[in-house]
Protein backbone atom coordinates (compact mmCIF):
# COMPACT_ATOMS: atom_id res chain seq x y z
CA UNK A 1 -12.22 20.53 -26.46
CA UNK A 2 -10.85 16.96 -26.39
CA UNK A 3 -12.01 15.25 -23.17
CA UNK A 4 -10.02 13.65 -20.32
CA UNK A 5 -9.72 9.87 -20.34
CA UNK A 6 -11.98 10.07 -17.22
CA UNK A 7 -14.64 12.47 -18.74
CA UNK A 8 -15.10 10.03 -21.61
CA UNK A 9 -15.32 7.08 -19.49
CA UNK A 10 -18.02 9.21 -17.39
CA UNK A 11 -19.93 9.78 -20.43
CA UNK A 12 -19.61 6.07 -21.77
CA UNK A 13 -21.46 5.03 -18.23
CA UNK A 14 -23.69 7.77 -18.45
CA UNK A 15 -25.23 6.32 -21.76
CA UNK A 16 -24.21 3.02 -21.21
CA UNK A 17 -25.57 1.96 -18.20
CA UNK A 18 -29.03 3.24 -18.64
CA UNK A 19 -29.34 1.14 -22.03
CA UNK A 20 -28.81 -1.91 -20.41
CA UNK A 21 -31.17 -1.13 -17.48
CA UNK A 22 -33.95 -0.47 -20.05
CA UNK A 23 -33.48 -3.50 -22.09
CA UNK A 24 -33.56 -5.47 -18.88
CA UNK A 25 -36.77 -3.67 -17.76
CA UNK A 26 -38.32 -3.95 -21.40
CA UNK A 27 -37.19 -7.53 -21.98
CA UNK A 28 -38.85 -8.21 -18.58
CA UNK A 29 -42.09 -6.40 -19.10
CA UNK A 30 -42.48 -4.91 -22.37
CA UNK A 31 -42.75 -8.22 -24.28
CA UNK A 32 -46.18 -9.17 -22.67
CA UNK A 33 -47.40 -5.85 -24.12
CA UNK A 34 -46.63 -7.22 -28.13
CA UNK A 35 -49.93 -9.33 -29.28
CA UNK A 36 -49.71 -9.47 -33.05
CA UNK A 37 -50.41 -13.07 -34.44
CA UNK A 38 -47.71 -14.96 -35.78
CA UNK A 39 -45.89 -17.76 -35.80
CA UNK A 40 -42.86 -16.44 -33.70
CA UNK A 41 -45.16 -14.68 -30.99
CA UNK A 42 -43.38 -13.45 -28.00
CA UNK A 43 -45.93 -14.55 -25.28
CA UNK A 44 -49.14 -15.72 -27.17
CA UNK A 45 -49.80 -19.33 -28.11
CA UNK A 46 -51.47 -19.69 -31.53
CA UNK A 47 -53.24 -23.12 -32.86
CA UNK A 48 -54.03 -24.27 -36.38
CA UNK A 49 -57.54 -25.45 -37.27
CA UNK A 50 -56.49 -28.62 -38.25
CA UNK A 51 -54.26 -30.01 -35.34
CA UNK A 52 -53.14 -29.07 -31.80
CA UNK A 53 -49.53 -28.17 -33.04
CA UNK A 54 -48.56 -24.78 -31.42
CA UNK A 55 -46.28 -22.07 -32.67
CA UNK A 56 -42.95 -20.68 -31.72
CA UNK A 57 -43.00 -18.06 -29.03
CA UNK A 58 -40.06 -15.51 -29.36
CA UNK A 59 -38.66 -13.67 -32.34
CA UNK A 60 -34.93 -14.54 -33.46
CA UNK A 61 -34.61 -10.72 -33.16
CA UNK A 62 -35.72 -10.15 -29.93
CA UNK A 63 -32.55 -13.06 -28.43
CA UNK A 64 -30.33 -11.31 -30.83
CA UNK A 65 -30.86 -8.10 -28.97
CA UNK A 66 -30.68 -9.50 -25.68
CA UNK A 67 -27.48 -11.27 -26.57
CA UNK A 68 -25.83 -7.95 -28.18
CA UNK A 69 -27.12 -6.06 -24.86
CA UNK A 70 -25.18 -8.38 -23.10
CA UNK A 71 -22.00 -7.93 -24.88
CA UNK A 72 -22.42 -3.97 -24.53
CA UNK A 73 -22.51 -4.87 -20.96
CA UNK A 74 -19.15 -7.06 -21.48
CA UNK A 75 -17.53 -4.40 -23.22
CA UNK A 76 -18.36 -1.87 -20.61
CA UNK A 77 -16.67 -4.00 -18.13
CA UNK A 78 -13.55 -3.91 -20.17
CA UNK A 79 -13.28 -0.30 -20.70
CA UNK A 80 -13.68 -0.17 -16.72
CA UNK A 81 -11.20 -2.56 -16.35
CA UNK A 82 -8.85 -0.73 -18.73
CA UNK A 83 -9.12 2.64 -16.68
CA UNK A 84 -8.50 0.61 -13.62
CA UNK A 85 -5.50 -0.56 -15.22
CA UNK A 86 -4.39 2.67 -15.77
CA UNK A 87 -4.78 4.21 -12.88
CA UNK A 88 -3.23 1.12 -10.87
CA UNK A 89 -0.01 1.81 -12.95
CA UNK A 90 0.35 5.14 -11.88
CA UNK A 91 -0.37 4.10 -8.34
CA UNK A 92 2.24 1.68 -8.71
CA UNK A 93 4.88 4.16 -10.30
CA UNK A 94 8.23 4.30 -8.22
CA UNK A 95 7.67 8.24 -8.09
CA UNK A 96 4.08 8.42 -6.83
CA UNK A 97 3.90 8.92 -2.87
CA UNK A 98 0.98 7.83 -0.67
CA UNK A 99 -0.88 11.06 -0.53
CA UNK A 100 -1.38 11.09 -4.29
CA UNK A 101 -2.05 7.17 -4.87
CA UNK A 102 -4.64 8.24 -2.00
CA UNK A 103 -5.97 10.72 -4.59
CA UNK A 104 -6.48 8.26 -7.47
CA UNK A 105 -7.69 4.67 -6.08
CA UNK A 106 -10.76 6.48 -5.95
CA UNK A 107 -10.89 5.82 -9.76
CA UNK A 108 -9.92 2.22 -9.61
CA UNK A 109 -12.91 2.28 -6.67
CA UNK A 110 -15.43 3.95 -9.46
CA UNK A 111 -14.27 1.21 -12.26
CA UNK A 112 -14.78 -1.53 -10.22
CA UNK A 113 -18.43 -0.79 -8.75
CA UNK A 114 -18.97 0.08 -12.90
CA UNK A 115 -17.73 -3.42 -13.98
CA UNK A 116 -19.94 -5.30 -11.02
CA UNK A 117 -22.85 -3.39 -12.27
CA UNK A 118 -22.19 -4.43 -16.21
CA UNK A 119 -21.72 -7.77 -15.21
CA UNK A 120 -25.04 -7.88 -12.88
CA UNK A 121 -26.31 -6.15 -16.18
CA UNK A 122 -25.14 -9.08 -18.26
CA UNK A 123 -26.20 -11.75 -15.79
CA UNK A 124 -29.67 -10.46 -15.68
CA UNK A 125 -29.88 -10.56 -19.63
CA UNK A 126 -28.44 -14.00 -19.46
CA UNK A 127 -30.86 -15.06 -17.01
CA UNK A 128 -33.65 -14.07 -19.17
CA UNK A 129 -32.18 -15.92 -22.01
CA UNK A 130 -32.22 -18.80 -19.77
CA UNK A 131 -35.63 -18.70 -19.46
CA UNK A 132 -36.15 -18.65 -23.38
CA UNK A 133 -33.94 -21.28 -23.57
CA UNK A 134 -35.68 -23.82 -21.04
CA UNK A 135 -39.09 -22.90 -23.26
CA UNK A 136 -37.64 -22.96 -26.81
CA UNK A 137 -36.53 -26.62 -25.72
CA UNK A 138 -39.32 -27.45 -23.73
CA UNK A 139 -41.57 -26.26 -27.07
CA UNK A 140 -39.50 -28.07 -29.21
CA UNK A 141 -39.77 -31.22 -27.01
CA UNK A 142 -43.26 -31.36 -26.87
CA UNK A 143 -43.69 -30.38 -30.62
CA UNK A 144 -41.65 -33.59 -31.41
CA UNK A 145 -43.84 -35.61 -29.08
CA UNK A 146 -47.02 -34.21 -30.52
CA UNK A 147 -45.81 -34.82 -34.17
CA UNK A 148 -45.07 -38.52 -32.84
CA UNK A 149 -48.47 -38.82 -31.45
CA UNK A 150 -50.23 -38.08 -34.29
CA UNK A 151 -48.21 -40.61 -36.28
CA UNK A 152 -47.41 -43.42 -34.33
CA UNK A 153 -50.70 -44.52 -34.28
CA UNK A 154 -50.45 -45.36 -38.18
CA UNK A 155 -46.85 -46.70 -37.54
CA UNK A 156 -45.09 -43.69 -39.46
CA UNK A 157 -42.16 -42.23 -38.73
CA UNK A 158 -41.96 -38.20 -39.27
CA UNK A 159 -38.33 -38.88 -40.45
CA UNK A 160 -39.55 -41.10 -42.89
CA UNK A 161 -41.85 -38.95 -44.64
CA UNK A 162 -39.37 -35.80 -45.15
CA UNK A 163 -36.81 -38.13 -46.59
CA UNK A 164 -39.09 -39.90 -49.08
CA UNK A 165 -40.84 -36.20 -50.02
CA UNK A 166 -37.36 -35.91 -51.20
CA UNK A 167 -36.38 -38.84 -52.49
CA UNK A 168 -39.25 -41.05 -53.25
CA UNK A 169 -43.08 -39.55 -54.02
CA UNK A 170 -44.56 -42.42 -54.38
CA UNK A 171 -43.76 -43.92 -51.07
CA UNK A 172 -44.31 -40.44 -49.38
CA UNK A 173 -47.93 -40.22 -50.91
CA UNK A 174 -48.53 -43.91 -49.55
CA UNK A 175 -47.11 -42.80 -46.10
CA UNK A 176 -49.59 -39.78 -46.05
CA UNK A 177 -52.35 -42.08 -47.09
CA UNK A 178 -51.39 -44.28 -44.32
CA UNK A 179 -50.88 -41.36 -41.39
CA UNK A 180 -54.32 -39.84 -42.87
CA UNK A 181 -52.81 -36.73 -43.60
CA UNK A 182 -53.38 -34.17 -46.75
CA UNK A 183 -50.02 -32.70 -47.86
CA UNK A 184 -51.30 -29.36 -46.79
CA UNK A 185 -51.60 -30.89 -43.05
CA UNK A 186 -48.04 -32.40 -43.50
CA UNK A 187 -46.49 -28.92 -44.74
CA UNK A 188 -48.01 -27.35 -41.73
CA UNK A 189 -46.76 -29.94 -39.37
CA UNK A 190 -43.43 -29.48 -41.25
CA UNK A 191 -43.30 -25.74 -41.19
CA UNK A 192 -44.32 -25.49 -37.53
CA UNK A 193 -41.54 -27.61 -36.21
CA UNK A 194 -39.04 -25.96 -38.22
CA UNK A 195 -39.93 -22.79 -37.27
CA UNK A 196 -39.57 -24.21 -33.41
CA UNK A 197 -36.45 -25.68 -34.51
CA UNK A 198 -35.03 -22.40 -35.95
CA UNK A 199 -36.14 -20.07 -33.07
CA UNK A 200 -34.52 -22.88 -30.94
CA UNK A 201 -31.53 -22.57 -32.64
CA UNK A 202 -31.34 -18.52 -32.49
CA UNK A 203 -32.13 -18.90 -28.77
CA UNK A 204 -29.25 -21.34 -28.06
CA UNK A 205 -26.87 -19.11 -30.19
CA UNK A 206 -28.13 -16.15 -28.36
CA UNK A 207 -27.33 -17.58 -24.78
CA UNK A 208 -24.43 -18.82 -25.75
CA UNK A 209 -23.24 -15.08 -26.72
CA UNK A 210 -24.89 -14.08 -23.62
CA UNK A 211 -23.29 -16.62 -21.31
CA UNK A 212 -20.07 -15.76 -22.76
CA UNK A 213 -19.97 -11.84 -22.38
CA UNK A 214 -21.67 -12.72 -18.65
CA UNK A 215 -18.89 -14.83 -17.81
CA UNK A 216 -16.08 -12.52 -19.39
CA UNK A 217 -17.95 -9.54 -17.55
CA UNK A 218 -17.84 -11.23 -14.33
CA UNK A 219 -14.42 -12.08 -14.72
CA UNK A 220 -13.52 -8.44 -15.52
CA UNK A 221 -15.57 -7.31 -12.31
CA UNK A 222 -13.56 -9.70 -10.46
CA UNK A 223 -10.19 -8.45 -11.99
CA UNK A 224 -10.96 -5.02 -11.43
CA UNK A 225 -12.20 -5.64 -8.05
CA UNK A 226 -8.72 -7.18 -7.43
CA UNK A 227 -6.93 -4.26 -8.61
CA UNK A 228 -8.79 -2.31 -6.21
CA UNK A 229 -7.23 -4.42 -3.43
CA UNK A 230 -3.58 -4.45 -5.10
CA UNK A 231 -3.87 -0.52 -5.07
CA UNK A 232 -4.94 -0.43 -1.37
CA UNK A 233 -2.00 -3.05 -0.12
CA UNK A 234 0.43 -0.74 -2.68
CA UNK A 235 -0.64 2.49 -0.82
CA UNK A 236 -0.80 0.50 2.81
CA UNK A 237 3.20 -0.32 1.83
CA UNK A 238 4.18 3.18 0.61
CA UNK A 239 2.64 4.41 4.08
CA UNK A 240 4.80 2.00 5.60
CA UNK A 241 7.74 2.96 3.50
CA UNK A 242 7.31 6.41 4.27
CA UNK A 243 6.97 6.15 8.13
CA UNK A 244 10.19 3.92 7.87
CA UNK A 245 11.99 6.56 5.94
CA UNK A 246 10.72 9.07 8.34
CA UNK A 247 11.74 7.88 11.55
CA UNK A 248 14.90 6.35 9.75
CA UNK A 249 15.85 10.28 8.83
CA UNK A 250 14.54 11.67 12.46
CA UNK A 251 17.18 9.22 13.90
CA UNK A 252 19.66 10.17 11.48
CA UNK A 253 19.25 13.74 12.35
CA UNK A 254 19.11 13.08 15.73
CA UNK A 255 22.40 11.16 15.50
CA UNK A 256 24.08 13.77 13.42
CA UNK A 257 22.93 16.15 16.11
CA UNK A 258 24.33 14.52 18.81
CA UNK A 259 27.48 14.07 17.00
CA UNK A 260 27.68 17.51 15.90
CA UNK A 261 27.03 18.19 19.90
CA UNK A 262 29.73 15.79 21.13
CA UNK A 263 32.30 17.39 18.37
CA UNK A 264 31.23 20.85 19.57
CA UNK A 265 31.64 19.95 23.09
CA UNK A 266 35.50 18.46 22.64
CA UNK A 267 36.29 21.36 20.41
CA UNK A 268 35.19 23.78 23.30
CA UNK A 269 36.82 21.60 25.66
CA UNK A 270 40.19 21.57 23.61
CA UNK A 271 39.88 25.34 23.33
CA UNK A 272 39.37 25.81 26.99
CA UNK A 273 41.91 23.70 27.70
CA UNK A 274 44.58 24.96 25.43
CA UNK A 275 43.56 28.51 27.12
CA UNK A 276 43.91 26.90 30.42
CA UNK A 277 47.17 25.74 29.60
CA UNK A 278 48.13 28.97 27.85
CA UNK A 279 47.22 31.10 31.00
CA UNK A 280 48.91 28.70 33.28
CA UNK A 281 52.24 28.83 31.08
CA UNK A 282 51.60 32.45 30.85
CA UNK A 283 51.22 32.83 34.87
CA UNK A 284 54.19 30.14 35.33
CA UNK A 285 56.23 32.56 33.15
CA UNK A 286 54.97 35.53 34.68
CA UNK A 287 55.77 34.08 38.27
CA UNK A 288 59.43 32.70 36.88
CA UNK A 289 60.12 36.29 35.47
CA UNK A 290 59.14 37.60 38.58
CA UNK A 291 61.18 35.45 40.37
CA UNK A 292 64.14 35.71 38.58
CA UNK A 293 63.62 39.47 38.46
CA UNK A 294 63.71 39.32 42.57
CA UNK A 295 66.51 36.89 42.45
CA UNK A 296 68.58 39.69 40.02
CA UNK A 297 67.24 42.44 42.19
CA UNK A 298 68.97 40.76 44.90
CA UNK A 299 71.72 39.62 43.88
CA UNK A 300 72.17 43.29 42.32
CA UNK A 301 71.43 44.44 45.84
CA UNK A 302 73.90 41.90 47.32
CA UNK A 303 76.57 43.17 45.01
CA UNK A 304 75.85 46.73 45.41
CA UNK A 305 76.24 46.09 49.28
CA UNK A 306 79.43 43.80 49.14
CA UNK A 307 80.77 46.76 46.68
CA UNK A 308 79.85 49.44 49.53
CA UNK A 309 81.58 47.25 51.89
CA UNK A 310 84.93 47.42 50.30
CA UNK A 311 87.07 50.01 51.62
CA UNK A 312 87.99 52.79 49.49
CA UNK A 313 91.46 52.97 47.96
CA UNK A 314 91.76 56.64 47.14
CA UNK A 315 91.06 57.49 50.48
CA UNK A 316 94.32 58.58 53.04
CA UNK A 317 95.21 55.50 55.39
CA UNK A 318 94.12 56.54 58.85
CA UNK A 319 97.13 57.02 61.19
CA UNK A 320 97.26 54.35 63.67
CA UNK A 321 96.36 54.46 67.03
CA UNK A 322 99.14 54.90 69.64
CA UNK A 323 99.42 51.52 70.92
CA UNK A 324 99.17 51.52 74.72
CA UNK A 325 101.51 48.56 74.62
CA UNK A 326 104.96 49.71 73.21
CA UNK A 327 106.08 46.47 73.42
CA UNK A 328 103.53 44.41 71.26
CA UNK A 329 104.23 43.77 67.80
CA UNK A 330 101.45 45.13 65.28
CA UNK A 331 101.31 43.36 61.93
CA UNK A 332 98.98 45.73 59.25
CA UNK A 333 97.63 43.04 56.45
CA UNK A 334 98.02 44.24 53.26
CA UNK A 335 100.86 46.34 54.02
CA UNK A 336 104.45 45.56 52.27
CA UNK A 337 106.28 45.98 55.42
CA UNK A 338 105.66 45.46 59.00
CA UNK A 339 106.56 46.91 61.94
CA UNK A 340 108.15 44.88 64.38
């Protein structure tokens, strides 16, 4: 089954960090347990029978191993930094919300913790190599001083001896005699000094390697911590933006609701006004119709009354009543002739 990136990172941390911690412990305490005599002893100091010149104190392979462990710690810091970068890219994606981002920032926090542990491990290894470097330089200085102290009473220079050995054998033999040295003693002196110089060169190279690794691991740890800070700032910004968007949406919804209510109220008022106008118009029309009907009825009644008041032309005219005054003149309106 293919592991996810986070699972792979956890497996790497599971196996690498214990190795680093183990190396630090071994380097600090285990070295003292090695006591095999050699010219590259870790803690013992040996002396030759013919001189007081001491031997080298550490195996080149030992400092190489420590330097390589510092480089491994740096590589772990690189892996965690890259893992943090991937998570940060997801958090800063425009489609990521604050809730999702908060669920992922733990990955950066964990990566930051791992890079700090890796940087601390590299720094511890560098400190151990610093001790070796200080001692190797001190031993080299002491060895050179001892050689000079051995040769200076005879006014013989070590570099002159080594140069003449390669270029002028008679001069070399003369200088050996002048310095009261046998060839074997000189060769032992050269071998020991060369051994210390070689170990010092190894220690310096290992220290430089570990120093670079520790510096880079510390830089990666700082960078990963900054990523965590950046992610936290992004999440805070997302929260504020979401809160603002929510408030704006609520305000917009409120305004739309108020606008809708206003429009509905206006529409209702309009309908009510129209209904009222309609009712008033109907009432007015009704009143006008009733008034008209009343007038028409009155007019009709009047006409009927007038009609009834008119004489009936078809009836026999009434005979005039005898006039008590026979001498008066009577005129009947409407008659074609008068009676005088």
